[in-house]
Amino acid sequence: MSVLRRLTLLGYMTSYSHCGRYYTLREIPQFDEFGLWHHGDVGFCREGTLKAAVRELVDKSDAGRTHQELQDLLRIRAHDELLDNVRAGRIGRKLLDGKRWLYLSADASRASKQWARRQVQTKRAAVLLGPLSAAMTVEVLVVVLQSSLPRVIVTAEDVLRRLHYQGVRVPLEHVQWVFERYELAKKGGLDSPRSRR
């Protein structure tokens, strides 16, 4: 307790990751454009809490954010924080592509603009990227299988880095599509056949 009292005098922050087990002095973090700072795999946010960071990331985005996009930024899952914010009316959501949620600002006018921008981005990406081949999907799934360990979440960026290391060039958007299509972000990897029964 004496250490915490001293830290309080100096001014400190707790991590939003690792259940808040890590501390840093307020003067140390150099927050990025999203208000996030990582020391190794430990994350801190300018807003103080994960719930507040999620709300800020959604509200300030140009085209809303999917859970996968938030996970890639935060480097951890944020399902509970998203749901809490939606239930409290701090953010909204709308079904995108009939299978995943797009989280939007609670302000109706801003949410409408975010939704319109997302529609434009989705159409543009479909034209630029072209169809995703079955072979490329298999490449992504194989890397996820090879990388998955119990309780370890493999992100789209992790897979992209490993594919590039293997000499396979694929856009991040394609990897993210595979993650969303097979709901890999929810599972932290692929389920075994037994777990799907």
N, C-alpha and C. Protein backbone atom coordinates (compact mmCIF):
# COMPACT_ATOMS: atom_id res chain seq x y z
N MET A 1 0.82 -1.20 0.00
CA MET A 1 0.00 0.00 0.00
C MET A 1 0.86 1.26 0.00
N SER A 2 2.02 1.20 0.67
CA SER A 2 2.89 2.37 0.70
C SER A 2 3.42 2.68 -0.70
N VAL A 3 3.66 1.63 -1.50
CA VAL A 3 4.12 1.83 -2.87
C VAL A 3 3.02 2.51 -3.69
N LEU A 4 1.77 2.06 -3.51
CA LEU A 4 0.66 2.67 -4.25
C LEU A 4 0.44 4.12 -3.83
N ARG A 5 0.62 4.40 -2.55
CA ARG A 5 0.49 5.79 -2.10
C ARG A 5 1.55 6.67 -2.75
N ARG A 6 2.78 6.15 -2.85
CA ARG A 6 3.85 6.89 -3.49
C ARG A 6 3.56 7.10 -4.98
N LEU A 7 3.05 6.03 -5.62
CA LEU A 7 2.69 6.14 -7.03
C LEU A 7 1.58 7.16 -7.25
N THR A 8 0.63 7.23 -6.31
CA THR A 8 -0.46 8.19 -6.41
C THR A 8 0.08 9.62 -6.38
N LEU A 9 1.06 9.86 -5.53
CA LEU A 9 1.67 11.18 -5.46
C LEU A 9 2.38 11.55 -6.76
N LEU A 10 3.01 10.55 -7.38
CA LEU A 10 3.75 10.79 -8.62
C LEU A 10 2.82 10.84 -9.83
N GLY A 11 1.68 10.18 -9.74
CA GLY A 11 0.75 10.09 -10.86
C GLY A 11 1.03 8.85 -11.68
N TYR A 12 0.11 7.90 -11.69
CA TYR A 12 0.35 6.64 -12.40
C TYR A 12 -0.88 6.22 -13.18
N MET A 13 -0.67 5.24 -14.06
CA MET A 13 -1.74 4.64 -14.84
C MET A 13 -1.65 3.13 -14.71
N THR A 14 -2.79 2.47 -14.79
CA THR A 14 -2.79 1.01 -14.82
C THR A 14 -3.05 0.54 -16.25
N SER A 15 -2.58 -0.63 -16.57
CA SER A 15 -2.76 -1.16 -17.92
C SER A 15 -4.21 -1.53 -18.16
N TYR A 16 -4.66 -1.40 -19.41
CA TYR A 16 -6.00 -1.87 -19.74
C TYR A 16 -5.97 -3.36 -20.07
N SER A 17 -4.78 -3.88 -20.35
CA SER A 17 -4.62 -5.31 -20.59
C SER A 17 -4.14 -5.98 -19.29
N HIS A 18 -4.10 -7.30 -19.31
CA HIS A 18 -3.59 -8.07 -18.16
C HIS A 18 -4.33 -7.73 -16.87
N CYS A 19 -5.63 -7.45 -16.99
CA CYS A 19 -6.48 -7.16 -15.82
C CYS A 19 -5.94 -6.03 -14.95
N GLY A 20 -5.26 -5.06 -15.58
CA GLY A 20 -4.78 -3.90 -14.84
C GLY A 20 -3.64 -4.20 -13.88
N ARG A 21 -2.89 -5.27 -14.13
CA ARG A 21 -1.81 -5.66 -13.21
C ARG A 21 -0.55 -4.83 -13.35
N TYR A 22 -0.43 -4.08 -14.44
CA TYR A 22 0.81 -3.32 -14.68
C TYR A 22 0.57 -1.83 -14.49
N TYR A 23 1.63 -1.14 -14.06
CA TYR A 23 1.56 0.29 -13.78
C TYR A 23 2.65 1.02 -14.53
N THR A 24 2.39 2.28 -14.83
CA THR A 24 3.43 3.14 -15.39
C THR A 24 3.17 4.57 -14.89
N LEU A 25 4.22 5.36 -14.80
CA LEU A 25 4.05 6.75 -14.44
C LEU A 25 3.39 7.50 -15.61
N ARG A 26 2.56 8.48 -15.32
CA ARG A 26 1.80 9.19 -16.36
C ARG A 26 2.69 9.88 -17.38
N GLU A 27 3.91 10.21 -16.98
CA GLU A 27 4.80 10.95 -17.89
C GLU A 27 5.50 10.03 -18.90
N ILE A 28 5.43 8.73 -18.72
CA ILE A 28 6.19 7.81 -19.57
C ILE A 28 5.52 7.48 -20.90
N PRO A 29 4.23 7.13 -20.92
CA PRO A 29 3.62 6.71 -22.20
C PRO A 29 3.69 7.76 -23.29
N GLN A 30 4.01 7.32 -24.49
CA GLN A 30 3.95 8.17 -25.68
C GLN A 30 2.83 7.63 -26.54
N PHE A 31 1.63 8.15 -26.29
CA PHE A 31 0.44 7.62 -26.93
C PHE A 31 0.45 7.87 -28.43
N ASP A 32 -0.06 6.90 -29.18
CA ASP A 32 -0.16 7.05 -30.63
C ASP A 32 -1.41 7.82 -30.99
N GLU A 33 -1.71 7.90 -32.28
CA GLU A 33 -2.86 8.67 -32.75
C GLU A 33 -4.18 8.13 -32.23
N PHE A 34 -4.19 6.88 -31.76
CA PHE A 34 -5.41 6.28 -31.23
C PHE A 34 -5.51 6.39 -29.71
N GLY A 35 -4.52 7.04 -29.10
CA GLY A 35 -4.52 7.16 -27.65
C GLY A 35 -4.05 5.91 -26.95
N LEU A 36 -3.26 5.08 -27.65
CA LEU A 36 -2.77 3.81 -27.09
C LEU A 36 -1.25 3.82 -27.01
N TRP A 37 -0.73 3.07 -26.05
CA TRP A 37 0.72 2.90 -25.91
C TRP A 37 0.96 1.49 -25.41
N HIS A 38 1.90 0.79 -26.05
CA HIS A 38 2.21 -0.59 -25.66
C HIS A 38 3.66 -0.70 -25.23
N HIS A 39 3.86 -1.40 -24.14
CA HIS A 39 5.21 -1.76 -23.69
C HIS A 39 5.25 -3.28 -23.75
N GLY A 40 5.88 -3.80 -24.80
CA GLY A 40 5.78 -5.24 -25.04
C GLY A 40 4.33 -5.58 -25.36
N ASP A 41 3.77 -6.53 -24.63
CA ASP A 41 2.37 -6.90 -24.87
C ASP A 41 1.42 -6.25 -23.86
N VAL A 42 1.94 -5.31 -23.06
CA VAL A 42 1.12 -4.62 -22.07
C VAL A 42 0.60 -3.32 -22.67
N GLY A 43 -0.72 -3.11 -22.58
CA GLY A 43 -1.33 -1.94 -23.20
C GLY A 43 -1.83 -0.92 -22.19
N PHE A 44 -1.61 0.35 -22.51
CA PHE A 44 -2.12 1.48 -21.72
C PHE A 44 -2.88 2.39 -22.67
N CYS A 45 -3.89 3.08 -22.15
CA CYS A 45 -4.66 3.99 -22.99
C CYS A 45 -4.84 5.34 -22.29
N ARG A 46 -4.90 6.37 -23.10
CA ARG A 46 -5.06 7.73 -22.59
C ARG A 46 -6.36 7.87 -21.80
N GLU A 47 -7.39 7.14 -22.23
CA GLU A 47 -8.71 7.23 -21.59
C GLU A 47 -8.74 6.56 -20.22
N GLY A 48 -7.76 5.72 -19.91
CA GLY A 48 -7.66 5.12 -18.59
C GLY A 48 -8.16 3.70 -18.50
N THR A 49 -9.34 3.42 -19.07
CA THR A 49 -9.90 2.07 -18.99
C THR A 49 -10.16 1.53 -20.39
N LEU A 50 -10.25 0.22 -20.48
CA LEU A 50 -10.51 -0.42 -21.77
C LEU A 50 -11.89 -0.02 -22.29
N LYS A 51 -12.87 0.04 -21.41
CA LYS A 51 -14.22 0.41 -21.82
C LYS A 51 -14.26 1.82 -22.41
N ALA A 52 -13.55 2.74 -21.76
CA ALA A 52 -13.50 4.12 -22.26
C ALA A 52 -12.71 4.20 -23.56
N ALA A 53 -11.64 3.41 -23.68
CA ALA A 53 -10.84 3.41 -24.90
C ALA A 53 -11.65 2.89 -26.08
N VAL A 54 -12.43 1.84 -25.85
CA VAL A 54 -13.27 1.28 -26.90
C VAL A 54 -14.27 2.33 -27.38
N ARG A 55 -14.91 3.00 -26.44
CA ARG A 55 -15.89 4.04 -26.79
C ARG A 55 -15.24 5.15 -27.62
N GLU A 56 -14.05 5.58 -27.21
CA GLU A 56 -13.34 6.65 -27.91
C GLU A 56 -12.93 6.21 -29.31
N LEU A 57 -12.42 4.98 -29.44
CA LEU A 57 -11.99 4.47 -30.74
C LEU A 57 -13.15 4.36 -31.72
N VAL A 58 -14.30 3.97 -31.22
CA VAL A 58 -15.49 3.87 -32.07
C VAL A 58 -15.99 5.27 -32.43
N ASP A 59 -16.12 6.13 -31.44
CA ASP A 59 -16.70 7.45 -31.66
C ASP A 59 -15.86 8.30 -32.60
N LYS A 60 -14.53 8.23 -32.48
CA LYS A 60 -13.65 9.09 -33.28
C LYS A 60 -13.31 8.50 -34.65
N SER A 61 -13.75 7.29 -34.93
CA SER A 61 -13.42 6.67 -36.21
C SER A 61 -14.22 7.29 -37.34
N ASP A 62 -13.66 7.26 -38.54
CA ASP A 62 -14.34 7.83 -39.70
C ASP A 62 -15.46 6.93 -40.21
N ALA A 63 -15.29 5.62 -40.06
CA ALA A 63 -16.24 4.68 -40.65
C ALA A 63 -16.66 3.59 -39.68
N GLY A 64 -16.75 3.93 -38.39
CA GLY A 64 -17.08 2.91 -37.40
C GLY A 64 -15.97 1.89 -37.30
N ARG A 65 -16.15 0.89 -36.44
CA ARG A 65 -15.13 -0.15 -36.29
C ARG A 65 -15.79 -1.50 -36.02
N THR A 66 -15.22 -2.54 -36.60
CA THR A 66 -15.65 -3.90 -36.28
C THR A 66 -14.86 -4.37 -35.06
N HIS A 67 -15.31 -5.47 -34.46
CA HIS A 67 -14.56 -5.99 -33.31
C HIS A 67 -13.15 -6.38 -33.73
N GLN A 68 -13.01 -6.96 -34.93
CA GLN A 68 -11.68 -7.36 -35.39
C GLN A 68 -10.75 -6.16 -35.49
N GLU A 69 -11.25 -5.05 -36.01
CA GLU A 69 -10.42 -3.84 -36.13
C GLU A 69 -10.01 -3.33 -34.76
N LEU A 70 -10.93 -3.36 -33.80
CA LEU A 70 -10.60 -2.94 -32.44
C LEU A 70 -9.58 -3.88 -31.82
N GLN A 71 -9.77 -5.18 -32.04
CA GLN A 71 -8.82 -6.15 -31.48
C GLN A 71 -7.42 -5.94 -32.05
N ASP A 72 -7.35 -5.63 -33.35
CA ASP A 72 -6.04 -5.39 -33.96
C ASP A 72 -5.36 -4.16 -33.35
N LEU A 73 -6.14 -3.13 -33.04
CA LEU A 73 -5.59 -1.92 -32.43
C LEU A 73 -5.20 -2.15 -30.97
N LEU A 74 -6.11 -2.77 -30.23
CA LEU A 74 -5.92 -2.94 -28.79
C LEU A 74 -5.03 -4.13 -28.44
N ARG A 75 -4.95 -5.10 -29.37
CA ARG A 75 -4.18 -6.33 -29.18
C ARG A 75 -4.81 -7.27 -28.15
N ILE A 76 -6.04 -7.03 -27.81
CA ILE A 76 -6.81 -7.94 -26.96
C ILE A 76 -8.27 -7.90 -27.41
N ARG A 77 -9.03 -8.90 -27.00
CA ARG A 77 -10.45 -8.93 -27.31
C ARG A 77 -11.18 -7.89 -26.47
N ALA A 78 -12.28 -7.38 -27.02
CA ALA A 78 -13.03 -6.36 -26.29
C ALA A 78 -14.54 -6.58 -26.41
N HIS A 79 -14.96 -7.84 -26.51
CA HIS A 79 -16.39 -8.15 -26.66
C HIS A 79 -17.21 -7.61 -25.49
N ASP A 80 -16.77 -7.86 -24.28
CA ASP A 80 -17.54 -7.43 -23.09
C ASP A 80 -17.65 -5.92 -23.03
N GLU A 81 -16.55 -5.23 -23.32
CA GLU A 81 -16.54 -3.77 -23.26
C GLU A 81 -17.45 -3.17 -24.34
N LEU A 82 -17.46 -3.79 -25.52
CA LEU A 82 -18.35 -3.34 -26.58
C LEU A 82 -19.81 -3.50 -26.17
N LEU A 83 -20.13 -4.68 -25.65
CA LEU A 83 -21.50 -4.96 -25.25
C LEU A 83 -21.95 -4.03 -24.12
N ASP A 84 -21.07 -3.79 -23.14
CA ASP A 84 -21.39 -2.87 -22.04
C ASP A 84 -21.68 -1.46 -22.57
N ASN A 85 -20.85 -1.01 -23.50
CA ASN A 85 -21.05 0.33 -24.07
C ASN A 85 -22.34 0.42 -24.88
N VAL A 86 -22.66 -0.64 -25.63
CA VAL A 86 -23.91 -0.66 -26.40
C VAL A 86 -25.10 -0.61 -25.46
N ARG A 87 -25.09 -1.46 -24.42
CA ARG A 87 -26.21 -1.52 -23.48
C ARG A 87 -26.40 -0.20 -22.73
N ALA A 88 -25.29 0.50 -22.49
CA ALA A 88 -25.37 1.78 -21.78
C ALA A 88 -25.69 2.94 -22.73
N GLY A 89 -25.78 2.66 -24.03
CA GLY A 89 -26.10 3.71 -24.99
C GLY A 89 -24.94 4.62 -25.31
N ARG A 90 -23.72 4.20 -24.96
CA ARG A 90 -22.54 5.04 -25.24
C ARG A 90 -22.05 4.89 -26.67
N ILE A 91 -22.36 3.75 -27.29
CA ILE A 91 -22.09 3.54 -28.71
C ILE A 91 -23.28 2.78 -29.29
N GLY A 92 -23.37 2.79 -30.62
CA GLY A 92 -24.42 2.02 -31.29
C GLY A 92 -23.80 0.94 -32.13
N ARG A 93 -24.62 0.16 -32.81
CA ARG A 93 -24.10 -0.85 -33.71
C ARG A 93 -25.13 -1.16 -34.78
N LYS A 94 -24.63 -1.66 -35.90
CA LYS A 94 -25.48 -1.99 -37.03
C LYS A 94 -24.87 -3.21 -37.71
N LEU A 95 -25.72 -4.13 -38.16
CA LEU A 95 -25.23 -5.35 -38.78
C LEU A 95 -24.62 -5.05 -40.13
N LEU A 96 -23.40 -5.51 -40.33
CA LEU A 96 -22.65 -5.26 -41.56
C LEU A 96 -22.50 -6.58 -42.31
N ASP A 97 -22.79 -6.58 -43.59
CA ASP A 97 -22.67 -7.79 -44.42
C ASP A 97 -23.53 -8.94 -43.91
N GLY A 98 -24.49 -8.64 -43.07
CA GLY A 98 -25.39 -9.67 -42.56
C GLY A 98 -24.77 -10.64 -41.59
N LYS A 99 -23.50 -10.43 -41.17
CA LYS A 99 -22.87 -11.41 -40.29
C LYS A 99 -21.97 -10.84 -39.21
N ARG A 100 -21.64 -9.57 -39.27
CA ARG A 100 -20.79 -8.98 -38.23
C ARG A 100 -21.29 -7.59 -37.90
N TRP A 101 -20.99 -7.15 -36.67
CA TRP A 101 -21.46 -5.85 -36.22
C TRP A 101 -20.46 -4.77 -36.57
N LEU A 102 -20.99 -3.63 -36.99
CA LEU A 102 -20.17 -2.43 -37.13
C LEU A 102 -20.59 -1.52 -35.98
N TYR A 103 -19.62 -1.14 -35.15
CA TYR A 103 -19.90 -0.29 -33.99
C TYR A 103 -19.75 1.17 -34.39
N LEU A 104 -20.74 1.96 -34.00
CA LEU A 104 -20.85 3.33 -34.45
C LEU A 104 -21.01 4.29 -33.28
N SER A 105 -20.84 5.56 -33.55
CA SER A 105 -21.02 6.60 -32.54
C SER A 105 -22.45 6.57 -32.00
N ALA A 106 -22.61 6.98 -30.76
CA ALA A 106 -23.96 7.08 -30.17
C ALA A 106 -24.72 8.26 -30.74
N ASP A 107 -23.99 9.23 -31.31
CA ASP A 107 -24.62 10.38 -31.94
C ASP A 107 -25.17 9.95 -33.30
N ALA A 108 -26.48 10.08 -33.48
CA ALA A 108 -27.14 9.56 -34.69
C ALA A 108 -26.58 10.17 -35.97
N SER A 109 -26.33 11.48 -35.97
CA SER A 109 -25.81 12.15 -37.15
C SER A 109 -24.42 11.62 -37.52
N ARG A 110 -23.55 11.50 -36.51
CA ARG A 110 -22.20 10.99 -36.77
C ARG A 110 -22.25 9.53 -37.19
N ALA A 111 -23.12 8.75 -36.56
CA ALA A 111 -23.24 7.33 -36.89
C ALA A 111 -23.67 7.16 -38.35
N SER A 112 -24.56 8.01 -38.81
CA SER A 112 -25.04 7.95 -40.20
C SER A 112 -23.88 8.20 -41.17
N LYS A 113 -23.03 9.17 -40.84
CA LYS A 113 -21.86 9.47 -41.69
C LYS A 113 -20.86 8.32 -41.66
N GLN A 114 -20.64 7.74 -40.49
CA GLN A 114 -19.73 6.61 -40.37
C GLN A 114 -20.22 5.44 -41.23
N TRP A 115 -21.52 5.15 -41.15
CA TRP A 115 -22.11 4.05 -41.91
C TRP A 115 -21.94 4.29 -43.41
N ALA A 116 -22.21 5.51 -43.87
CA ALA A 116 -22.08 5.84 -45.30
C ALA A 116 -20.64 5.66 -45.77
N ARG A 117 -19.68 6.11 -44.95
CA ARG A 117 -18.26 5.95 -45.33
C ARG A 117 -17.88 4.48 -45.40
N ARG A 118 -18.40 3.69 -44.47
CA ARG A 118 -18.08 2.25 -44.46
C ARG A 118 -18.60 1.58 -45.73
N GLN A 119 -19.77 1.96 -46.18
CA GLN A 119 -20.34 1.38 -47.40
C GLN A 119 -19.45 1.69 -48.60
N VAL A 120 -18.96 2.93 -48.67
CA VAL A 120 -18.07 3.33 -49.76
C VAL A 120 -16.77 2.54 -49.68
N GLN A 121 -16.19 2.43 -48.48
CA GLN A 121 -14.93 1.70 -48.29
C GLN A 121 -15.08 0.23 -48.68
N THR A 122 -16.19 -0.37 -48.30
CA THR A 122 -16.42 -1.79 -48.59
C THR A 122 -16.48 -2.04 -50.09
N LYS A 123 -17.19 -1.18 -50.81
CA LYS A 123 -17.29 -1.32 -52.26
C LYS A 123 -15.94 -1.10 -52.93
N ARG A 124 -15.21 -0.09 -52.48
CA ARG A 124 -13.90 0.20 -53.05
C ARG A 124 -12.93 -0.95 -52.81
N ALA A 125 -12.95 -1.51 -51.61
CA ALA A 125 -12.05 -2.63 -51.28
C ALA A 125 -12.36 -3.85 -52.14
N ALA A 126 -13.64 -4.11 -52.38
CA ALA A 126 -14.03 -5.26 -53.19
C ALA A 126 -13.48 -5.13 -54.61
N VAL A 127 -13.48 -3.91 -55.15
CA VAL A 127 -12.97 -3.68 -56.50
C VAL A 127 -11.45 -3.80 -56.53
N LEU A 128 -10.78 -3.17 -55.55
CA LEU A 128 -9.31 -3.15 -55.54
C LEU A 128 -8.71 -4.52 -55.25
N LEU A 129 -9.30 -5.25 -54.30
CA LEU A 129 -8.72 -6.51 -53.86
C LEU A 129 -9.08 -7.68 -54.78
N GLY A 130 -10.25 -7.62 -55.36
CA GLY A 130 -10.70 -8.73 -56.18
C GLY A 130 -11.08 -9.91 -55.30
N PRO A 131 -11.47 -11.00 -55.90
CA PRO A 131 -11.92 -12.15 -55.11
C PRO A 131 -10.76 -12.82 -54.36
N LEU A 132 -11.06 -13.33 -53.20
CA LEU A 132 -10.08 -14.06 -52.40
C LEU A 132 -10.10 -15.52 -52.83
N SER A 133 -8.96 -16.03 -53.27
CA SER A 133 -8.92 -17.40 -53.77
C SER A 133 -9.00 -18.41 -52.62
N ALA A 134 -9.46 -19.60 -52.96
CA ALA A 134 -9.54 -20.68 -51.97
C ALA A 134 -8.15 -21.02 -51.45
N ALA A 135 -7.15 -20.96 -52.35
CA ALA A 135 -5.78 -21.28 -51.94
C ALA A 135 -5.27 -20.30 -50.89
N MET A 136 -5.60 -19.00 -51.06
CA MET A 136 -5.15 -18.00 -50.10
C MET A 136 -5.85 -18.19 -48.76
N THR A 137 -7.13 -18.56 -48.80
CA THR A 137 -7.87 -18.84 -47.57
C THR A 137 -7.21 -19.98 -46.81
N VAL A 138 -6.84 -21.02 -47.52
CA VAL A 138 -6.18 -22.17 -46.90
C VAL A 138 -4.85 -21.76 -46.29
N GLU A 139 -4.08 -20.92 -47.01
CA GLU A 139 -2.79 -20.43 -46.48
C GLU A 139 -2.99 -19.75 -45.13
N VAL A 140 -4.00 -18.88 -45.05
CA VAL A 140 -4.28 -18.15 -43.80
C VAL A 140 -4.67 -19.12 -42.71
N LEU A 141 -5.57 -20.06 -43.00
CA LEU A 141 -6.05 -21.01 -41.98
C LEU A 141 -4.92 -21.91 -41.48
N VAL A 142 -4.02 -22.30 -42.38
CA VAL A 142 -2.89 -23.14 -41.97
C VAL A 142 -2.00 -22.40 -40.98
N VAL A 143 -1.71 -21.12 -41.26
CA VAL A 143 -0.88 -20.32 -40.34
C VAL A 143 -1.57 -20.18 -38.99
N VAL A 144 -2.90 -19.98 -39.00
CA VAL A 144 -3.63 -19.87 -37.73
C VAL A 144 -3.52 -21.16 -36.95
N LEU A 145 -3.70 -22.30 -37.62
CA LEU A 145 -3.58 -23.60 -36.95
C LEU A 145 -2.19 -23.81 -36.36
N GLN A 146 -1.17 -23.45 -37.12
CA GLN A 146 0.21 -23.61 -36.65
C GLN A 146 0.54 -22.68 -35.50
N SER A 147 -0.14 -21.54 -35.45
CA SER A 147 0.18 -20.52 -34.45
C SER A 147 -0.64 -20.63 -33.18
N SER A 148 -1.77 -21.34 -33.23
CA SER A 148 -2.70 -21.34 -32.11
C SER A 148 -2.19 -22.17 -30.95
N LEU A 149 -2.19 -21.54 -29.78
CA LEU A 149 -1.88 -22.21 -28.53
C LEU A 149 -3.04 -21.95 -27.59
N PRO A 150 -3.25 -22.82 -26.58
CA PRO A 150 -4.34 -22.55 -25.64
C PRO A 150 -4.22 -21.17 -25.01
N ARG A 151 -5.32 -20.42 -24.99
CA ARG A 151 -5.42 -19.11 -24.35
C ARG A 151 -4.57 -18.04 -25.01
N VAL A 152 -4.06 -18.31 -26.22
CA VAL A 152 -3.30 -17.31 -26.95
C VAL A 152 -4.13 -16.85 -28.14
N ILE A 153 -4.35 -15.56 -28.26
CA ILE A 153 -5.13 -15.03 -29.37
C ILE A 153 -4.18 -14.64 -30.49
N VAL A 154 -4.39 -15.22 -31.66
CA VAL A 154 -3.60 -14.89 -32.84
C VAL A 154 -4.37 -13.84 -33.62
N THR A 155 -3.74 -12.71 -33.87
CA THR A 155 -4.42 -11.62 -34.59
C THR A 155 -4.17 -11.72 -36.09
N ALA A 156 -4.95 -10.97 -36.85
CA ALA A 156 -4.77 -10.92 -38.30
C ALA A 156 -3.37 -10.42 -38.64
N GLU A 157 -2.87 -9.46 -37.85
CA GLU A 157 -1.52 -8.93 -38.11
C GLU A 157 -0.44 -9.98 -37.87
N ASP A 158 -0.64 -10.84 -36.83
CA ASP A 158 0.31 -11.93 -36.57
C ASP A 158 0.40 -12.85 -37.79
N VAL A 159 -0.77 -13.21 -38.31
CA VAL A 159 -0.82 -14.11 -39.47
C VAL A 159 -0.18 -13.45 -40.68
N LEU A 160 -0.47 -12.16 -40.90
CA LEU A 160 0.11 -11.44 -42.03
C LEU A 160 1.64 -11.44 -41.96
N ARG A 161 2.18 -11.18 -40.76
CA ARG A 161 3.64 -11.17 -40.58
C ARG A 161 4.24 -12.53 -40.90
N ARG A 162 3.58 -13.60 -40.44
CA ARG A 162 4.12 -14.95 -40.68
C ARG A 162 4.02 -15.34 -42.15
N LEU A 163 2.95 -14.93 -42.80
CA LEU A 163 2.82 -15.20 -44.23
C LEU A 163 3.90 -14.46 -45.01
N HIS A 164 4.13 -13.20 -44.67
CA HIS A 164 5.17 -12.42 -45.37
C HIS A 164 6.55 -13.03 -45.12
N TYR A 165 6.78 -13.53 -43.90
CA TYR A 165 8.06 -14.18 -43.58
C TYR A 165 8.26 -15.42 -44.46
N GLN A 166 7.13 -16.09 -44.78
CA GLN A 166 7.18 -17.29 -45.63
C GLN A 166 7.20 -16.94 -47.12
N GLY A 167 7.16 -15.64 -47.42
CA GLY A 167 7.20 -15.21 -48.81
C GLY A 167 5.85 -15.15 -49.48
N VAL A 168 4.78 -15.27 -48.70
CA VAL A 168 3.43 -15.21 -49.25
C VAL A 168 2.90 -13.79 -49.09
N ARG A 169 2.61 -13.13 -50.19
CA ARG A 169 2.10 -11.76 -50.14
C ARG A 169 0.59 -11.76 -50.24
N VAL A 170 -0.04 -11.17 -49.25
CA VAL A 170 -1.50 -11.10 -49.21
C VAL A 170 -1.89 -9.82 -48.48
N PRO A 171 -2.90 -9.11 -48.95
CA PRO A 171 -3.33 -7.89 -48.27
C PRO A 171 -3.92 -8.19 -46.89
N LEU A 172 -3.72 -7.28 -45.97
CA LEU A 172 -4.28 -7.44 -44.62
C LEU A 172 -5.79 -7.61 -44.68
N GLU A 173 -6.44 -6.92 -45.60
CA GLU A 173 -7.91 -7.02 -45.70
C GLU A 173 -8.37 -8.44 -46.00
N HIS A 174 -7.58 -9.18 -46.79
CA HIS A 174 -7.93 -10.57 -47.07
C HIS A 174 -7.82 -11.43 -45.81
N VAL A 175 -6.75 -11.21 -45.05
CA VAL A 175 -6.57 -11.96 -43.81
C VAL A 175 -7.71 -11.64 -42.84
N GLN A 176 -8.06 -10.36 -42.74
CA GLN A 176 -9.16 -9.96 -41.86
C GLN A 176 -10.47 -10.58 -42.30
N TRP A 177 -10.68 -10.69 -43.62
CA TRP A 177 -11.91 -11.31 -44.12
C TRP A 177 -12.00 -12.76 -43.68
N VAL A 178 -10.88 -13.50 -43.77
CA VAL A 178 -10.87 -14.90 -43.35
C VAL A 178 -11.16 -15.00 -41.85
N PHE A 179 -10.56 -14.09 -41.06
CA PHE A 179 -10.83 -14.08 -39.62
C PHE A 179 -12.31 -13.87 -39.35
N GLU A 180 -12.91 -12.95 -40.07
CA GLU A 180 -14.32 -12.65 -39.84
C GLU A 180 -15.22 -13.78 -40.36
N ARG A 181 -14.86 -14.34 -41.53
CA ARG A 181 -15.67 -15.41 -42.13
C ARG A 181 -15.73 -16.63 -41.22
N TYR A 182 -14.60 -16.98 -40.61
CA TYR A 182 -14.53 -18.17 -39.75
C TYR A 182 -14.58 -17.83 -38.27
N GLU A 183 -14.88 -16.56 -37.96
CA GLU A 183 -15.02 -16.09 -36.58
C GLU A 183 -13.82 -16.44 -35.72
N LEU A 184 -12.63 -16.28 -36.29
CA LEU A 184 -11.40 -16.62 -35.57
C LEU A 184 -11.12 -15.65 -34.45
N ALA A 185 -11.56 -14.40 -34.58
CA ALA A 185 -11.32 -13.42 -33.52
C ALA A 185 -12.05 -13.82 -32.24
N LYS A 186 -13.25 -14.41 -32.38
CA LYS A 186 -14.02 -14.82 -31.20
C LYS A 186 -13.37 -16.01 -30.51
N LYS A 187 -12.78 -16.90 -31.33
CA LYS A 187 -12.30 -18.16 -30.79
C LYS A 187 -10.84 -18.12 -30.39
N GLY A 188 -10.09 -17.13 -30.90
CA GLY A 188 -8.65 -17.10 -30.65
C GLY A 188 -7.94 -18.19 -31.40
N GLY A 189 -8.52 -18.65 -32.48
CA GLY A 189 -7.94 -19.73 -33.26
C GLY A 189 -9.05 -20.62 -33.77
N LEU A 190 -8.67 -21.76 -34.32
CA LEU A 190 -9.67 -22.68 -34.85
C LEU A 190 -10.07 -23.69 -33.80
N ASP A 191 -11.37 -23.99 -33.75
CA ASP A 191 -11.85 -25.01 -32.84
C ASP A 191 -11.43 -26.39 -33.35
N SER A 192 -11.22 -27.28 -32.42
CA SER A 192 -10.99 -28.66 -32.80
C SER A 192 -12.32 -29.27 -33.21
N PRO A 193 -12.32 -30.38 -33.99
CA PRO A 193 -13.59 -31.01 -34.38
C PRO A 193 -14.42 -31.38 -33.17
N ARG A 194 -13.78 -31.81 -32.08
CA ARG A 194 -14.51 -32.21 -30.89
C ARG A 194 -15.26 -31.04 -30.27
N SER A 195 -14.63 -29.84 -30.27
CA SER A 195 -15.26 -28.68 -29.63
C SER A 195 -16.42 -28.14 -30.44
N ARG A 196 -16.56 -28.56 -31.72
CA ARG A 196 -17.67 -28.09 -32.54
C ARG A 196 -18.90 -28.95 -32.39
N ARG A 197 -18.80 -30.08 -31.68
CA ARG A 197 -19.96 -30.96 -31.52
C ARG A 197 -20.98 -30.38 -30.59
